[in-house]
N, C-alpha and C. Protein backbone atom coordinates (compact mmCIF):
# COMPACT_ATOMS: atom_id res chain seq x y z
N MET A 1 1.11 -1.06 0.20
CA MET A 1 -0.16 0.01 -0.11
C MET A 1 0.90 1.13 0.21
N ARG A 2 0.37 2.53 -0.74
CA ARG A 2 1.35 3.90 -0.64
C ARG A 2 0.51 4.67 0.11
N LEU A 3 1.22 5.03 1.31
CA LEU A 3 1.04 5.86 1.70
C LEU A 3 1.36 7.71 1.85
N ALA A 4 0.56 8.53 1.90
CA ALA A 4 1.08 9.57 2.30
C ALA A 4 1.03 10.14 3.90
N VAL A 5 2.18 10.94 4.31
CA VAL A 5 2.52 10.73 5.97
C VAL A 5 2.39 12.49 5.99
N LEU A 6 1.50 13.09 6.32
CA LEU A 6 1.93 15.03 6.72
C LEU A 6 1.73 15.20 8.26
N SER A 7 1.80 16.41 8.40
CA SER A 7 2.35 16.83 9.77
C SER A 7 2.36 18.09 9.70
N ASP A 8 1.76 18.18 11.38
CA ASP A 8 2.03 19.96 11.91
C ASP A 8 0.96 21.07 10.95
N ILE A 9 0.08 20.64 10.18
CA ILE A 9 -0.78 21.47 8.98
C ILE A 9 -1.31 23.15 9.92
N HIS A 10 -1.29 23.19 11.22
CA HIS A 10 -1.46 24.15 12.03
C HIS A 10 -2.50 25.20 11.31
N ASP A 11 -3.88 24.77 10.65
CA ASP A 11 -4.47 25.58 9.57
C ASP A 11 -3.58 26.25 8.47
N GLN A 12 -2.67 26.13 7.75
CA GLN A 12 -2.01 26.76 7.14
C GLN A 12 -2.69 25.91 5.56
N THR A 13 -3.83 26.46 4.84
CA THR A 13 -4.55 25.40 4.08
C THR A 13 -4.14 25.85 2.30
N ASP A 14 -3.37 26.94 2.48
CA ASP A 14 -2.64 27.11 1.12
C ASP A 14 -1.49 25.93 1.09
N ASN A 15 -0.66 25.57 2.12
CA ASN A 15 0.17 25.23 2.04
C ASN A 15 -0.60 23.61 1.80
N LEU A 16 -1.59 23.32 2.67
CA LEU A 16 -2.20 21.60 2.32
C LEU A 16 -2.73 21.63 1.51
N ARG A 17 -3.10 22.70 0.81
CA ARG A 17 -3.64 22.46 -1.08
C ARG A 17 -2.34 22.40 -1.79
N ALA A 18 -0.57 22.83 -1.44
CA ALA A 18 0.00 23.31 -2.34
C ALA A 18 0.32 21.30 -2.38
N ILE A 19 0.49 21.10 -1.02
CA ILE A 19 1.57 19.58 -1.06
C ILE A 19 -0.01 18.15 -1.22
N LEU A 20 -0.66 18.63 -1.32
CA LEU A 20 -1.24 17.97 -1.75
C LEU A 20 -1.72 17.31 -3.33
N THR A 21 -1.60 18.58 -4.09
CA THR A 21 -1.70 18.77 -5.35
C THR A 21 -0.40 18.06 -5.75
N VAL A 22 0.78 18.32 -4.99
CA VAL A 22 1.91 17.25 -5.23
C VAL A 22 1.83 16.03 -5.32
N LEU A 23 1.44 15.33 -4.09
CA LEU A 23 1.12 14.34 -3.40
C LEU A 23 -0.25 13.58 -4.21
N GLU A 24 -1.14 14.09 -4.78
CA GLU A 24 -1.91 13.77 -5.97
C GLU A 24 -2.31 12.47 -6.92
N PRO A 25 -0.21 13.18 -7.52
CA PRO A 25 -0.48 11.76 -9.07
C PRO A 25 -0.05 10.67 -8.66
N PHE A 26 0.53 10.71 -7.59
CA PHE A 26 1.61 9.06 -6.54
C PHE A 26 0.13 7.99 -6.08
N GLN A 27 -1.25 8.23 -6.02
CA GLN A 27 -2.47 7.54 -6.35
C GLN A 27 -1.99 6.75 -5.13
N VAL A 28 -2.01 7.32 -3.88
CA VAL A 28 -2.18 6.99 -2.49
C VAL A 28 -3.24 6.18 -1.79
N ASP A 29 -2.57 4.86 -1.20
CA ASP A 29 -4.25 4.67 -0.43
C ASP A 29 -4.69 5.23 1.09
N ILE A 30 -3.65 5.25 1.28
CA ILE A 30 -4.02 6.09 2.69
C ILE A 30 -2.97 7.41 3.12
N LEU A 31 -3.83 8.33 3.30
CA LEU A 31 -3.34 9.52 3.88
C LEU A 31 -3.57 9.53 5.44
N LEU A 32 -2.00 10.00 5.84
CA LEU A 32 -1.59 10.16 7.26
C LEU A 32 -1.62 11.50 7.95
N LEU A 33 -2.13 11.96 8.88
CA LEU A 33 -1.70 13.16 9.36
C LEU A 33 -1.40 12.62 10.54
N CYS A 34 0.37 13.41 11.17
CA CYS A 34 0.33 13.02 13.05
C CYS A 34 0.18 14.34 13.59
N GLY A 35 -0.65 14.76 13.41
CA GLY A 35 -1.23 15.45 14.50
C GLY A 35 -1.11 17.42 13.86
N ASP A 36 -1.86 18.53 14.99
CA ASP A 36 -1.92 19.87 15.00
C ASP A 36 -2.45 19.89 13.68
N ILE A 37 -3.32 19.40 13.55
CA ILE A 37 -4.60 19.72 12.25
C ILE A 37 -4.59 21.23 12.91
N THR A 38 -5.71 21.42 14.06
CA THR A 38 -6.39 22.36 14.44
C THR A 38 -7.56 22.23 14.64
N GLN A 39 -7.76 23.25 13.23
CA GLN A 39 -9.74 22.93 13.21
C GLN A 39 -10.35 21.60 12.34
N PRO A 40 -11.47 22.01 12.61
CA PRO A 40 -11.84 20.77 11.70
C PRO A 40 -12.19 20.83 10.75
N GLN A 41 -12.28 22.02 9.81
CA GLN A 41 -12.77 23.04 8.79
C GLN A 41 -11.25 22.42 7.83
N THR A 42 -10.16 22.86 8.14
CA THR A 42 -8.74 21.59 8.25
C THR A 42 -8.63 20.25 7.97
N LEU A 43 -9.22 19.50 8.74
CA LEU A 43 -9.22 18.27 7.94
C LEU A 43 -10.26 18.38 7.44
N ALA A 44 -11.24 18.43 7.23
CA ALA A 44 -12.11 18.36 6.17
C ALA A 44 -11.47 18.42 4.43
N GLN A 45 -10.36 19.54 4.60
CA GLN A 45 -9.73 19.81 3.65
C GLN A 45 -8.75 18.23 2.94
N CYS A 46 -8.36 17.73 4.14
CA CYS A 46 -7.48 16.85 3.95
C CYS A 46 -8.63 15.60 3.33
N ARG A 47 -7.57 15.81 2.23
CA ARG A 47 -8.69 14.83 1.14
C ARG A 47 -7.08 13.67 0.12
N LEU A 48 -7.75 13.56 0.03
CA LEU A 48 -6.68 12.87 -1.74
C LEU A 48 -7.34 11.88 -2.35
N PRO A 49 -7.87 12.33 -3.78
CA PRO A 49 -8.99 10.37 -4.46
C PRO A 49 -8.48 9.39 -4.58
N GLY A 50 -9.40 8.44 -3.52
CA GLY A 50 -9.46 7.55 -3.35
C GLY A 50 -8.56 6.87 -2.59
N ALA A 51 -8.37 7.77 -1.39
CA ALA A 51 -7.24 7.64 -0.13
C ALA A 51 -8.26 7.71 0.69
N ARG A 52 -7.95 6.73 1.97
CA ARG A 52 -8.40 6.87 3.29
C ARG A 52 -7.57 7.39 3.56
N LEU A 53 -8.78 8.15 4.98
CA LEU A 53 -8.39 9.47 6.06
C LEU A 53 -7.31 8.80 6.94
N SER A 54 -6.79 8.77 7.66
CA SER A 54 -6.11 8.11 9.23
C SER A 54 -5.59 9.39 9.62
N PHE A 55 -6.20 10.03 11.57
CA PHE A 55 -4.92 10.81 11.41
C PHE A 55 -4.36 10.77 13.62
N CYS A 56 -4.16 11.30 13.86
CA CYS A 56 -4.05 11.29 15.56
C CYS A 56 -3.74 12.88 15.43
N LEU A 57 -3.99 12.95 16.97
CA LEU A 57 -3.70 14.37 17.83
C LEU A 57 -3.21 14.58 18.04
N GLY A 58 -2.53 16.03 18.06
CA GLY A 58 -0.96 16.64 18.68
C GLY A 58 -1.62 17.71 19.64
N ASN A 59 -0.75 18.32 20.26
CA ASN A 59 0.04 19.38 21.33
C ASN A 59 -1.67 20.42 21.04
N CYS A 60 -1.41 20.89 19.97
CA CYS A 60 -2.20 21.65 19.60
C CYS A 60 -3.32 21.40 19.33
N ASP A 61 -3.84 20.14 19.15
CA ASP A 61 -5.24 19.85 18.92
C ASP A 61 -6.32 19.32 20.21
N HIS A 62 -5.66 19.57 21.18
CA HIS A 62 -6.47 19.18 22.32
C HIS A 62 -7.52 20.01 23.00
N GLY A 63 -7.31 20.84 22.56
CA GLY A 63 -8.60 22.32 22.97
C GLY A 63 -9.62 22.03 21.95
N ARG A 64 -8.82 21.27 21.08
CA ARG A 64 -10.75 20.30 19.61
C ARG A 64 -10.78 19.36 19.63
N ALA A 65 -9.91 18.57 20.68
CA ALA A 65 -10.17 16.97 20.20
C ALA A 65 -11.15 16.64 20.11
N GLU A 66 -12.17 16.76 20.91
CA GLU A 66 -13.74 16.34 20.76
C GLU A 66 -14.43 16.60 19.34
N ARG A 67 -14.06 17.85 19.29
CA ARG A 67 -14.70 17.93 18.00
C ARG A 67 -13.97 17.62 16.31
N LEU A 68 -12.07 17.71 16.28
CA LEU A 68 -11.89 16.58 15.42
C LEU A 68 -12.35 15.54 14.89
N LEU A 69 -11.97 15.09 16.12
CA LEU A 69 -12.53 13.38 16.10
C LEU A 69 -13.95 13.43 15.45
N GLU A 70 -14.83 13.96 16.69
CA GLU A 70 -16.16 13.60 15.38
C GLU A 70 -16.21 14.22 13.82
N ALA A 71 -15.54 15.01 13.81
CA ALA A 71 -15.94 15.34 12.05
C ALA A 71 -15.27 14.56 11.66
N GLY A 72 -13.49 13.80 11.77
CA GLY A 72 -13.18 12.81 11.12
C GLY A 72 -14.57 11.69 11.28
N THR A 73 -15.06 10.98 12.04
CA THR A 73 -16.35 10.01 12.01
C THR A 73 -16.93 10.53 11.17
N MET A 74 -17.44 11.86 10.57
CA MET A 74 -18.23 12.42 9.83
C MET A 74 -18.04 11.94 8.60
N MET A 75 -16.52 11.97 8.26
CA MET A 75 -15.44 12.22 7.15
C MET A 75 -15.95 10.63 6.44
N GLY A 76 -15.52 9.30 7.77
CA GLY A 76 -15.43 8.60 7.70
C GLY A 76 -14.17 8.04 7.64
N ALA A 77 -13.20 8.93 8.68
CA ALA A 77 -11.63 8.64 8.77
C ALA A 77 -11.69 8.14 9.97
N ASN A 78 -10.57 7.63 10.00
CA ASN A 78 -10.20 6.79 11.65
C ASN A 78 -9.13 7.72 12.25
N GLY A 79 -9.64 8.62 13.52
CA GLY A 79 -9.11 9.23 14.60
C GLY A 79 -8.24 8.88 15.79
N PHE A 80 -7.44 8.76 16.14
CA PHE A 80 -6.46 9.10 17.42
C PHE A 80 -6.67 9.06 18.14
N SER A 81 -6.63 9.66 19.08
CA SER A 81 -6.28 10.58 20.56
C SER A 81 -4.43 11.05 20.57
N GLY A 82 -3.58 9.11 20.88
CA GLY A 82 -2.53 8.94 20.94
C GLY A 82 -2.36 8.15 20.07
N LEU A 83 -1.53 6.95 20.03
CA LEU A 83 -0.79 6.10 19.26
C LEU A 83 -1.87 5.22 17.51
N GLY A 84 -1.49 5.56 17.01
CA GLY A 84 -2.71 5.80 15.67
C GLY A 84 -2.19 4.48 15.43
N ARG A 85 -3.01 3.25 14.80
CA ARG A 85 -1.96 1.96 14.60
C ARG A 85 -3.41 1.52 13.03
N LEU A 86 -1.91 1.10 12.21
CA LEU A 86 -2.81 0.51 11.11
C LEU A 86 -2.10 -1.24 10.73
N SER A 87 -3.31 -1.51 9.70
CA SER A 87 -2.72 -3.46 9.62
C SER A 87 -2.60 -2.90 7.86
N VAL A 88 -1.64 -2.79 7.37
CA VAL A 88 -1.39 -3.36 5.90
C VAL A 88 -1.31 -5.25 5.45
N PRO A 89 -1.07 -5.51 4.13
CA PRO A 89 -0.84 -6.80 4.11
C PRO A 89 0.53 -7.54 4.49
N GLU A 90 1.19 -6.57 4.61
CA GLU A 90 3.10 -6.53 4.46
C GLU A 90 3.23 -6.36 6.85
N GLY A 91 2.35 -5.62 7.76
CA GLY A 91 2.51 -5.51 8.54
C GLY A 91 1.88 -4.75 9.13
N GLY A 92 2.42 -4.13 10.21
CA GLY A 92 1.48 -3.10 10.82
C GLY A 92 2.95 -1.89 11.15
N ILE A 93 1.69 -0.95 10.57
CA ILE A 93 2.20 0.82 10.70
C ILE A 93 1.23 1.33 12.23
N ALA A 94 2.52 2.44 12.66
CA ALA A 94 2.51 3.43 13.76
C ALA A 94 1.64 4.76 13.65
N PHE A 95 1.56 5.94 14.06
CA PHE A 95 1.78 6.52 13.91
C PHE A 95 1.30 7.84 15.28
N CYS A 96 2.48 8.73 15.28
CA CYS A 96 1.71 9.88 16.43
C CYS A 96 2.07 11.42 16.31
N HIS A 97 2.17 12.09 17.19
CA HIS A 97 2.40 13.53 17.32
C HIS A 97 4.23 12.78 17.73
N PHE A 98 4.47 12.99 18.76
CA PHE A 98 5.33 13.45 19.49
C PHE A 98 6.74 12.08 19.29
N PRO A 99 7.47 12.78 19.57
CA PRO A 99 9.08 11.91 18.34
C PRO A 99 9.10 10.90 20.10
N ALA A 100 9.07 11.05 21.49
CA ALA A 100 9.80 10.09 22.79
C ALA A 100 8.07 8.65 22.02
N GLN A 101 6.93 9.11 21.89
CA GLN A 101 5.93 7.65 21.88
C GLN A 101 6.28 6.83 20.70
N ALA A 102 7.24 7.86 19.50
CA ALA A 102 7.25 7.29 18.29
C ALA A 102 8.32 6.38 18.40
N ARG A 103 9.13 6.52 19.31
CA ARG A 103 10.57 5.91 19.00
C ARG A 103 9.86 5.15 19.95
N LEU A 104 9.46 4.87 21.10
CA LEU A 104 8.87 3.64 21.69
C LEU A 104 8.10 2.21 20.98
N ALA A 105 7.26 3.15 20.03
CA ALA A 105 6.87 2.60 19.37
C ALA A 105 7.45 1.64 18.01
N ALA A 106 8.01 2.30 17.88
CA ALA A 106 9.59 1.19 16.71
C ALA A 106 10.58 0.93 17.53
N ASP A 107 11.03 0.93 18.90
CA ASP A 107 11.21 -0.37 19.62
C ASP A 107 10.92 -1.04 20.36
N SER A 108 9.11 -1.01 19.98
CA SER A 108 8.62 -2.67 20.27
C SER A 108 8.65 -3.63 19.28
N GLY A 109 9.21 -3.16 18.35
CA GLY A 109 9.19 -3.91 17.24
C GLY A 109 8.26 -4.91 16.82
N LEU A 110 6.93 -3.99 17.08
CA LEU A 110 6.19 -4.47 16.77
C LEU A 110 5.13 -4.10 14.88
N TYR A 111 5.60 -3.12 14.26
CA TYR A 111 5.59 -2.72 13.51
C TYR A 111 6.68 -1.75 12.13
N GLN A 112 6.17 -2.12 10.83
CA GLN A 112 7.54 -1.77 10.50
C GLN A 112 7.83 -0.64 9.73
N ALA A 113 7.39 -0.11 10.21
CA ALA A 113 7.02 1.61 9.90
C ALA A 113 6.28 2.67 10.99
N VAL A 114 6.87 3.76 11.58
CA VAL A 114 6.42 4.34 12.57
C VAL A 114 6.94 5.81 12.09
N PHE A 115 5.27 6.57 12.13
CA PHE A 115 5.86 7.86 11.91
C PHE A 115 5.44 9.35 12.74
N TYR A 116 5.84 10.57 13.41
CA TYR A 116 5.44 11.59 13.93
C TYR A 116 5.88 12.85 13.00
N GLY A 117 5.28 13.48 13.75
CA GLY A 117 5.79 14.61 13.85
C GLY A 117 5.93 15.33 14.99
N HIS A 118 5.82 16.88 15.10
CA HIS A 118 5.80 17.99 16.38
C HIS A 118 7.37 18.47 16.75
N SER A 119 7.91 17.92 15.67
CA SER A 119 9.51 19.09 15.49
C SER A 119 9.50 19.83 14.20
N HIS A 120 8.82 19.71 13.33
CA HIS A 120 8.56 20.70 12.02
C HIS A 120 10.46 20.02 11.37
N ARG A 121 10.25 18.97 11.22
CA ARG A 121 11.70 18.86 10.67
C ARG A 121 11.98 17.53 10.54
N PRO A 122 11.98 18.01 8.93
CA PRO A 122 11.53 16.17 8.12
C PRO A 122 13.32 15.13 8.42
N GLY A 123 12.56 14.12 8.77
CA GLY A 123 14.05 12.96 8.87
C GLY A 123 12.96 11.36 8.83
N ILE A 124 14.47 10.91 8.34
CA ILE A 124 14.10 9.55 7.60
C ILE A 124 15.01 8.65 8.27
N GLN A 125 14.91 7.74 9.55
CA GLN A 125 15.82 7.05 9.52
C GLN A 125 15.45 5.27 9.44
N ARG A 126 16.13 4.04 9.59
CA ARG A 126 15.88 3.36 9.62
C ARG A 126 17.03 2.40 10.85
N LEU A 127 15.95 1.75 11.90
CA LEU A 127 15.93 1.32 13.43
C LEU A 127 16.92 -0.22 13.31
N ALA A 128 17.74 -0.27 13.26
CA ALA A 128 18.02 -1.99 13.80
C ALA A 128 17.21 -2.47 14.50
N LEU A 129 16.65 -3.44 14.57
CA LEU A 129 16.17 -4.39 16.02
C LEU A 129 16.88 -5.73 16.04
N ALA A 130 16.39 -6.52 16.99
CA ALA A 130 16.93 -7.94 17.35
C ALA A 130 16.42 -8.69 16.04
N GLY A 131 15.21 -8.28 16.07
CA GLY A 131 13.95 -8.93 14.82
C GLY A 131 13.79 -8.34 13.82
N GLY A 132 15.02 -7.85 13.30
CA GLY A 132 15.17 -7.17 12.15
C GLY A 132 15.08 -5.86 11.88
N SER A 133 14.13 -4.73 11.23
CA SER A 133 14.59 -3.21 11.76
C SER A 133 12.92 -2.44 11.41
N VAL A 134 13.57 -1.39 11.28
CA VAL A 134 11.95 -0.59 10.85
C VAL A 134 12.05 0.94 10.73
N LEU A 135 10.52 1.51 10.46
CA LEU A 135 11.46 2.86 9.57
C LEU A 135 10.99 3.62 10.32
N LEU A 136 11.84 4.78 11.38
CA LEU A 136 11.31 5.88 12.18
C LEU A 136 11.06 6.68 11.28
N ALA A 137 10.06 7.66 11.25
CA ALA A 137 10.23 8.55 10.20
C ALA A 137 9.01 10.22 10.54
N ASN A 138 9.38 11.35 10.06
CA ASN A 138 9.15 12.26 10.44
C ASN A 138 8.65 12.94 8.88
N PRO A 139 7.63 13.55 8.80
CA PRO A 139 7.34 14.01 7.73
C PRO A 139 7.58 15.50 7.40
N GLY A 140 8.28 16.09 8.75
CA GLY A 140 8.07 17.52 8.87
C GLY A 140 7.30 18.30 8.46
N ASP A 141 6.08 19.50 8.20
CA ASP A 141 5.39 19.78 8.64
C ASP A 141 4.57 20.39 7.22
N VAL A 142 3.90 20.87 7.25
CA VAL A 142 2.35 21.87 6.65
C VAL A 142 2.92 23.06 6.52
N GLU A 143 3.19 23.71 7.72
CA GLU A 143 2.86 24.85 8.33
C GLU A 143 4.22 25.62 7.29
N GLY A 144 5.58 24.81 7.24
CA GLY A 144 6.06 25.72 6.36
C GLY A 144 7.23 26.73 7.33
N ARG A 145 7.79 25.96 8.41
CA ARG A 145 7.75 26.80 9.67
C ARG A 145 8.98 27.09 9.50
N HIS A 146 9.67 26.29 9.03
CA HIS A 146 11.15 26.60 8.42
C HIS A 146 11.28 26.52 7.62
N GLY A 147 10.46 26.92 6.65
CA GLY A 147 10.65 27.81 5.41
C GLY A 147 10.27 26.43 3.90
N ARG A 148 10.41 25.10 4.19
CA ARG A 148 9.38 24.39 3.86
C ARG A 148 8.31 23.88 3.80
N VAL A 149 7.28 23.42 3.12
CA VAL A 149 6.04 22.59 2.89
C VAL A 149 6.59 21.48 2.74
N SER A 150 6.83 19.82 3.98
CA SER A 150 6.87 18.66 3.19
C SER A 150 6.30 17.64 3.71
N GLY A 151 5.60 16.43 3.19
CA GLY A 151 5.49 15.45 3.42
C GLY A 151 6.35 13.98 2.95
N LEU A 152 5.94 12.91 3.19
CA LEU A 152 6.37 11.88 3.14
C LEU A 152 5.75 10.84 2.53
N LEU A 153 6.48 9.91 1.51
CA LEU A 153 5.38 9.35 0.39
C LEU A 153 6.52 7.58 1.01
N TYR A 154 5.49 6.82 1.39
CA TYR A 154 5.60 5.23 1.87
C TYR A 154 4.90 4.74 1.21
N ASP A 155 6.05 3.40 0.82
CA ASP A 155 5.31 2.15 0.33
C ASP A 155 5.75 1.05 1.23
N SER A 156 4.90 0.78 1.33
CA SER A 156 4.70 -0.41 2.60
C SER A 156 5.16 -2.11 1.66
N ARG A 157 5.12 -1.97 0.65
CA ARG A 157 5.51 -3.62 -0.10
C ARG A 157 6.67 -3.50 0.08
N ASP A 158 7.68 -2.77 -0.29
CA ASP A 158 8.87 -2.14 -0.29
C ASP A 158 9.80 -1.37 0.40
N GLN A 159 8.95 -0.98 1.73
CA GLN A 159 9.58 -0.35 2.46
C GLN A 159 10.44 1.36 1.93
N SER A 160 10.26 1.30 0.90
CA SER A 160 10.24 2.72 0.40
C SER A 160 9.88 3.95 1.03
N CYS A 161 10.44 4.96 1.48
CA CYS A 161 10.46 6.44 2.15
C CYS A 161 10.85 6.91 1.31
N VAL A 162 10.32 8.23 0.63
CA VAL A 162 11.07 10.21 0.53
C VAL A 162 10.09 10.90 0.61
N LEU A 163 10.89 11.69 1.29
CA LEU A 163 10.55 12.90 0.82
C LEU A 163 10.18 13.47 -0.04
N ILE A 164 8.96 14.60 0.07
CA ILE A 164 8.22 15.45 -0.84
C ILE A 164 8.12 16.45 -0.42
N ASP A 165 8.58 17.58 -1.49
CA ASP A 165 8.40 19.09 -0.48
C ASP A 165 7.76 19.29 -2.06
N ALA A 166 6.56 20.74 -1.05
CA ALA A 166 5.65 21.66 -2.05
C ALA A 166 6.07 22.07 -3.13
């Protein structure tokens, strides 16, 4: 399955539209959001043709957690207040907002990939574990806090992960 991973939108809908436009030709199966969406109206704009939406809440979402989760349910999305989990034919995928929580999930050895946000800085690393390896990756941010609007494209079949800029 092909996943697009975004984080830290912070209601920057122009940047959101730009990165979604870049991701659209890749025909992703799932769009993952790693928190800090902020408003339900922004969540409603998180759509890619043919892709299911899954998201988790970030530190800036908790004042609106109930509204965001409700909006997600109305959209047919899977919303998580903490660690989100997905099953893909090749194994499990986890996603969350906070780096420390992501590292714990990665170290558990239960997932082939773990995605997170919060730092607004993109990064992709493969961790060696006793039973193999796990991908631990941050898509950067949609907000553009450091002058870059980015996301990730991940393919669970070959476990490839590339950074995509808007």
